[in-house]
């Protein structure tokens, strides 16, 4: 009978562990010989020991590392007590640029102001010249035509619209005699004659005892057209451009005043007796 068994390898049982854990090793080695740190004797300091200089730099011509480090620190840091100066800035610009910009701006404003002022003065001068031209063109209306055509205006008559409608005769480039009763500023020759008529009309009521006196009433006027301009009158200290004159008045007593370097033109009007 044949032998019966299984020739396949059999699994042998074992008792050893699958993972090996080594014993823990202390992190700090113990002091040798079981001694503590305090038990190790210290060697006394030897005053006669030779000091070893610090190593020199390996590069020729340079100092030691200690000297190099010291000089490097001095070069990198500013000296104590002397802070490093920084450039001052205003509005993002340096002080010099800011001052130059301000000066240029002020200069521009001054130039613009001067140009504007010059333009204003030029316009004023042109306006004054235009007014003067217009005034001179209306002189014939101021002095009843004595300046424009004295020969035609002389001996013409003017009757006041007011105050008993008194009539006066015009004499161009002539001055009525006698010291004035009153001086005043009027707009034209007609207003001056009306003032004379008004003066004579109110005299009897205000001064009844003197109303019969021919020297107390206005019998003529002297009118100076140049002094209708107040500025011109003030320049020569004139008290008015119309002068009321007492009587007696007549053509033979008139004086010539055509106007020259000695004075302005004067025109007269005297009362016309009926």
Protein backbone atom coordinates (compact mmCIF):
# COMPACT_ATOMS: atom_id res chain seq x y z
CA UNK A 1 0.00 0.00 0.00
CA UNK A 2 1.43 3.29 -0.94
CA UNK A 3 2.55 5.89 1.62
CA UNK A 4 -0.04 8.59 2.25
CA UNK A 5 0.93 12.13 3.33
CA UNK A 6 1.01 15.61 1.96
CA UNK A 7 4.43 16.71 0.77
CA UNK A 8 3.50 20.46 0.76
CA UNK A 9 5.35 22.65 3.27
CA UNK A 10 3.65 23.11 6.49
CA UNK A 11 3.29 26.43 8.36
CA UNK A 12 5.31 26.41 11.51
CA UNK A 13 3.90 28.38 14.39
CA UNK A 14 6.13 31.01 16.10
CA UNK A 15 5.90 33.24 19.15
CA UNK A 16 8.16 36.24 18.27
CA UNK A 17 6.53 39.71 17.94
CA UNK A 18 5.88 41.17 14.52
CA UNK A 19 7.06 44.79 15.37
CA UNK A 20 10.14 45.60 17.44
CA UNK A 21 10.12 48.71 19.58
CA UNK A 22 13.58 49.78 20.75
CA UNK A 23 14.07 51.03 24.25
CA UNK A 24 13.78 54.85 24.65
CA UNK A 25 17.06 56.85 24.64
CA UNK A 26 17.36 59.79 27.03
CA UNK A 27 17.50 63.24 25.26
CA UNK A 28 20.31 64.54 27.50
CA UNK A 29 23.23 62.40 28.29
CA UNK A 30 23.98 62.09 31.97
CA UNK A 31 26.99 63.79 33.43
CA UNK A 32 30.08 61.62 33.26
CA UNK A 33 30.79 59.38 36.15
CA UNK A 34 27.40 60.17 37.57
CA UNK A 35 28.62 63.63 38.70
CA UNK A 36 26.51 66.73 38.61
CA UNK A 37 27.59 70.08 37.08
CA UNK A 38 28.37 71.65 40.39
CA UNK A 39 30.89 68.94 41.25
CA UNK A 40 33.14 69.73 38.24
CA UNK A 41 36.10 71.85 39.45
CA UNK A 42 36.81 75.19 37.67
CA UNK A 43 40.29 76.21 36.68
CA UNK A 44 41.49 79.47 38.15
CA UNK A 45 42.01 82.52 35.77
CA UNK A 46 45.63 82.92 34.75
CA UNK A 47 46.65 86.58 34.50
CA UNK A 48 49.81 85.62 32.68
CA UNK A 49 48.00 83.84 29.91
CA UNK A 50 48.83 84.98 26.40
CA UNK A 51 45.93 86.62 24.58
CA UNK A 52 45.30 85.58 21.03
CA UNK A 53 44.70 88.35 18.53
CA UNK A 54 41.54 88.15 16.44
CA UNK A 55 42.05 86.65 13.04
CA UNK A 56 43.04 89.02 10.29
CA UNK A 57 41.17 89.35 7.07
CA UNK A 58 42.15 87.05 4.32
CA UNK A 59 42.18 89.95 1.85
CA UNK A 60 45.33 92.01 1.63
CA UNK A 61 45.14 95.64 2.65
CA UNK A 62 42.00 95.27 4.78
CA UNK A 63 41.53 95.37 8.50
CA UNK A 64 40.39 92.67 10.80
CA UNK A 65 36.80 91.62 10.91
CA UNK A 66 36.21 93.56 14.14
CA UNK A 67 37.69 96.76 12.71
CA UNK A 68 35.76 96.32 9.49
CA UNK A 69 32.51 95.82 11.34
CA UNK A 70 33.18 98.93 13.46
CA UNK A 71 33.89 101.13 10.45
CA UNK A 72 30.90 99.73 8.63
CA UNK A 73 28.62 100.72 11.50
CA UNK A 74 30.08 104.23 11.59
CA UNK A 75 29.55 104.66 7.85
CA UNK A 76 25.98 103.31 7.93
CA UNK A 77 24.69 105.27 10.92
CA UNK A 78 24.74 109.07 11.22
CA UNK A 79 26.77 110.54 14.07
CA UNK A 80 25.00 110.96 17.36
CA UNK A 81 23.70 114.49 17.95
CA UNK A 82 23.75 115.40 14.22
CA UNK A 83 20.56 114.07 12.57
CA UNK A 84 20.72 113.56 8.88
CA UNK A 85 19.25 116.52 7.02
CA UNK A 86 16.38 115.91 4.62
CA UNK A 87 15.28 118.26 1.89
CA UNK A 88 12.21 120.32 2.89
CA UNK A 89 9.25 120.25 0.52
CA UNK A 90 6.10 122.39 0.27
CA UNK A 91 3.07 121.02 -1.57
CA UNK A 92 5.26 118.33 -3.06
CA UNK A 93 7.82 120.82 -4.41
CA UNK A 94 11.17 121.92 -3.11
CA UNK A 95 11.35 125.23 -1.28
CA UNK A 96 13.22 126.91 -4.16
CA UNK A 97 10.71 125.76 -6.78
CA UNK A 98 7.81 126.84 -4.56
CA UNK A 99 9.27 130.33 -4.01
CA UNK A 100 9.97 130.80 -7.72
CA UNK A 101 6.44 129.68 -8.62
CA UNK A 102 4.94 132.08 -6.08
CA UNK A 103 7.03 134.99 -7.39
CA UNK A 104 6.03 134.28 -10.99
CA UNK A 105 2.36 134.09 -10.00
CA UNK A 106 2.50 137.41 -8.14
CA UNK A 107 4.31 139.04 -11.05
CA UNK A 108 1.64 137.78 -13.46
CA UNK A 109 -1.14 139.17 -11.25
CA UNK A 110 0.61 142.55 -11.11
CA UNK A 111 0.99 142.66 -14.90
CA UNK A 112 -2.66 141.73 -15.43
CA UNK A 113 -3.78 144.35 -12.88
CA UNK A 114 -1.64 147.01 -14.53
CA UNK A 115 -3.05 146.18 -17.95
CA UNK A 116 -6.61 146.25 -16.62
CA UNK A 117 -6.00 149.57 -14.85
CA UNK A 118 -4.48 151.07 -17.97
CA UNK A 119 -7.47 149.93 -20.00
CA UNK A 120 -9.90 151.48 -17.51
CA UNK A 121 -8.06 154.79 -17.50
CA UNK A 122 -7.96 154.79 -21.30
CA UNK A 123 -11.72 154.23 -21.47
CA UNK A 124 -12.29 157.02 -18.95
CA UNK A 125 -10.11 159.40 -20.94
CA UNK A 126 -11.96 158.55 -24.15
CA UNK A 127 -15.30 159.01 -22.40
CA UNK A 128 -14.26 162.39 -21.01
CA UNK A 129 -13.03 163.49 -24.41
CA UNK A 130 -16.31 162.42 -25.98
CA UNK A 131 -18.28 164.36 -23.37
CA UNK A 132 -16.13 167.43 -23.92
CA UNK A 133 -16.65 167.17 -27.67
CA UNK A 134 -20.39 166.88 -27.16
CA UNK A 135 -20.34 169.85 -24.77
CA UNK A 136 -18.41 172.02 -27.21
CA UNK A 137 -20.84 171.07 -29.96
CA UNK A 138 -23.69 172.29 -27.74
CA UNK A 139 -22.02 175.58 -26.81
CA UNK A 140 -24.28 177.39 -29.24
CA UNK A 141 -27.24 176.18 -27.19
CA UNK A 142 -25.56 177.32 -23.96
CA UNK A 143 -24.70 180.89 -24.99
CA UNK A 144 -27.47 181.54 -27.58
CA UNK A 145 -25.02 181.27 -30.48
CA UNK A 146 -22.50 183.88 -29.30
CA UNK A 147 -19.54 181.50 -29.68
CA UNK A 148 -20.56 180.13 -33.06
CA UNK A 149 -21.67 183.42 -34.67
CA UNK A 150 -21.35 186.45 -32.36
CA UNK A 151 -22.26 188.99 -35.04
CA UNK A 152 -25.56 187.28 -35.70
CA UNK A 153 -26.39 186.77 -32.03
CA UNK A 154 -25.53 190.29 -30.86
CA UNK A 155 -28.51 192.66 -30.44
CA UNK A 156 -31.03 189.81 -30.50
CA UNK A 157 -33.68 189.83 -27.79
CA UNK A 158 -34.71 187.28 -25.15
CA UNK A 159 -37.95 187.59 -23.19
CA UNK A 160 -38.11 185.67 -19.93
CA UNK A 161 -40.95 183.20 -19.77
CA UNK A 162 -41.40 184.00 -16.07
CA UNK A 163 -41.48 187.05 -13.81
CA UNK A 164 -43.48 189.66 -15.74
CA UNK A 165 -41.95 188.57 -19.05
CA UNK A 166 -39.13 191.07 -19.00
CA UNK A 167 -37.15 191.48 -22.24
CA UNK A 168 -33.34 191.62 -22.43
CA UNK A 169 -30.99 192.38 -25.33
CA UNK A 170 -27.98 190.10 -26.01
CA UNK A 171 -24.44 191.45 -26.57
CA UNK A 172 -21.83 188.82 -27.35
CA UNK A 173 -18.23 189.17 -26.14
CA UNK A 174 -19.22 191.99 -23.80
CA UNK A 175 -19.26 192.44 -20.03
CA UNK A 176 -22.02 194.29 -18.21
CA UNK A 177 -20.74 197.03 -15.84
CA UNK A 178 -21.13 197.44 -12.07
CA UNK A 179 -20.24 195.00 -9.22
CA UNK A 180 -22.50 191.92 -9.14
CA UNK A 181 -25.50 191.63 -6.82
CA UNK A 182 -25.17 187.87 -6.78
CA UNK A 183 -23.27 185.04 -8.48
CA UNK A 184 -24.61 181.57 -9.18
CA UNK A 185 -24.22 178.52 -11.42
CA UNK A 186 -26.80 177.99 -14.17
CA UNK A 187 -27.16 175.63 -17.10
CA UNK A 188 -27.14 178.20 -19.92
CA UNK A 189 -27.44 181.86 -20.88
CA UNK A 190 -31.26 181.77 -20.81
CA UNK A 191 -31.27 180.53 -17.19
CA UNK A 192 -28.95 183.39 -16.23
CA UNK A 193 -31.35 185.99 -17.72
CA UNK A 194 -34.32 184.30 -15.99
CA UNK A 195 -32.45 184.54 -12.68
CA UNK A 196 -32.03 188.28 -13.21
CA UNK A 197 -35.76 188.67 -13.88
CA UNK A 198 -36.55 186.61 -10.75
CA UNK A 199 -34.29 188.76 -8.59
CA UNK A 200 -36.05 191.95 -9.72
CA UNK A 201 -39.52 190.40 -9.31
CA UNK A 202 -39.00 189.40 -5.66
CA UNK A 203 -37.25 192.59 -4.55
CA UNK A 204 -40.40 194.79 -4.10
CA UNK A 205 -42.04 192.21 -1.83
CA UNK A 206 -38.93 191.48 0.23
CA UNK A 207 -37.57 195.02 0.38
CA UNK A 208 -40.43 197.52 -0.18
CA UNK A 209 -38.44 200.56 0.81
CA UNK A 210 -35.63 199.71 -1.60
CA UNK A 211 -37.71 198.56 -4.52
CA UNK A 212 -37.70 202.00 -6.10
CA UNK A 213 -33.91 202.08 -6.15
CA UNK A 214 -32.53 201.22 -9.54
CA UNK A 215 -29.30 200.00 -7.93
CA UNK A 216 -31.15 197.35 -5.92
CA UNK A 217 -32.76 195.54 -8.82
CA UNK A 218 -31.11 193.40 -11.53
CA UNK A 219 -30.78 195.25 -14.80
CA UNK A 220 -28.27 193.06 -16.63
CA UNK A 221 -26.14 189.90 -16.50
CA UNK A 222 -22.69 188.71 -17.45
CA UNK A 223 -22.53 185.04 -18.51
CA UNK A 224 -19.27 183.01 -18.84
CA UNK A 225 -19.98 179.74 -20.77
CA UNK A 226 -16.59 178.14 -19.98
CA UNK A 227 -17.44 178.06 -16.29
CA UNK A 228 -20.57 176.02 -16.90
CA UNK A 229 -18.15 173.13 -16.43
CA UNK A 230 -17.79 172.91 -12.64
CA UNK A 231 -14.31 171.40 -12.87
CA UNK A 232 -13.09 174.36 -14.92
CA UNK A 233 -14.76 176.81 -12.52
CA UNK A 234 -13.24 175.18 -9.44
CA UNK A 235 -9.78 175.25 -11.08
CA UNK A 236 -9.92 179.07 -11.20
CA UNK A 237 -11.89 179.42 -7.95
CA UNK A 238 -14.87 180.96 -9.78
CA UNK A 239 -18.00 181.46 -7.61
CA UNK A 240 -20.35 180.89 -10.56
CA UNK A 241 -20.90 181.31 -14.28
CA UNK A 242 -23.78 183.85 -14.01
CA UNK A 243 -23.41 187.33 -12.41
CA UNK A 244 -26.46 189.52 -11.75
CA UNK A 245 -25.66 193.23 -12.26
CA UNK A 246 -27.53 196.30 -10.96
CA UNK A 247 -28.38 199.38 -13.07
CA UNK A 248 -27.93 201.61 -14.70
CA UNK A 249 -27.14 199.54 -17.81
CA UNK A 250 -26.66 200.80 -21.38
CA UNK A 251 -24.75 199.78 -24.46
CA UNK A 252 -22.11 202.49 -24.03
CA UNK A 253 -21.15 201.14 -20.61
CA UNK A 254 -20.41 197.61 -21.90
CA UNK A 255 -16.77 196.51 -22.04
CA UNK A 256 -15.28 194.17 -24.60
CA UNK A 257 -14.52 190.62 -23.34
CA UNK A 258 -13.94 188.46 -26.39
CA UNK A 259 -11.85 185.96 -24.46
CA UNK A 260 -8.11 185.55 -24.68
CA UNK A 261 -5.13 184.49 -22.62
CA UNK A 262 -6.23 187.08 -20.04
CA UNK A 263 -9.55 185.37 -19.38
CA UNK A 264 -12.54 183.46 -20.82
CA UNK A 265 -15.20 184.85 -23.15
CA UNK A 266 -18.02 186.81 -21.49
CA UNK A 267 -21.46 187.56 -22.92
CA UNK A 268 -23.86 190.21 -21.59
CA UNK A 269 -27.58 190.81 -21.54
CA UNK A 270 -29.15 194.07 -20.36
CA UNK A 271 -32.75 194.95 -19.70
CA UNK A 272 -34.57 196.55 -22.57
CA UNK A 273 -36.44 199.61 -21.40
CA UNK A 274 -39.87 200.22 -22.96
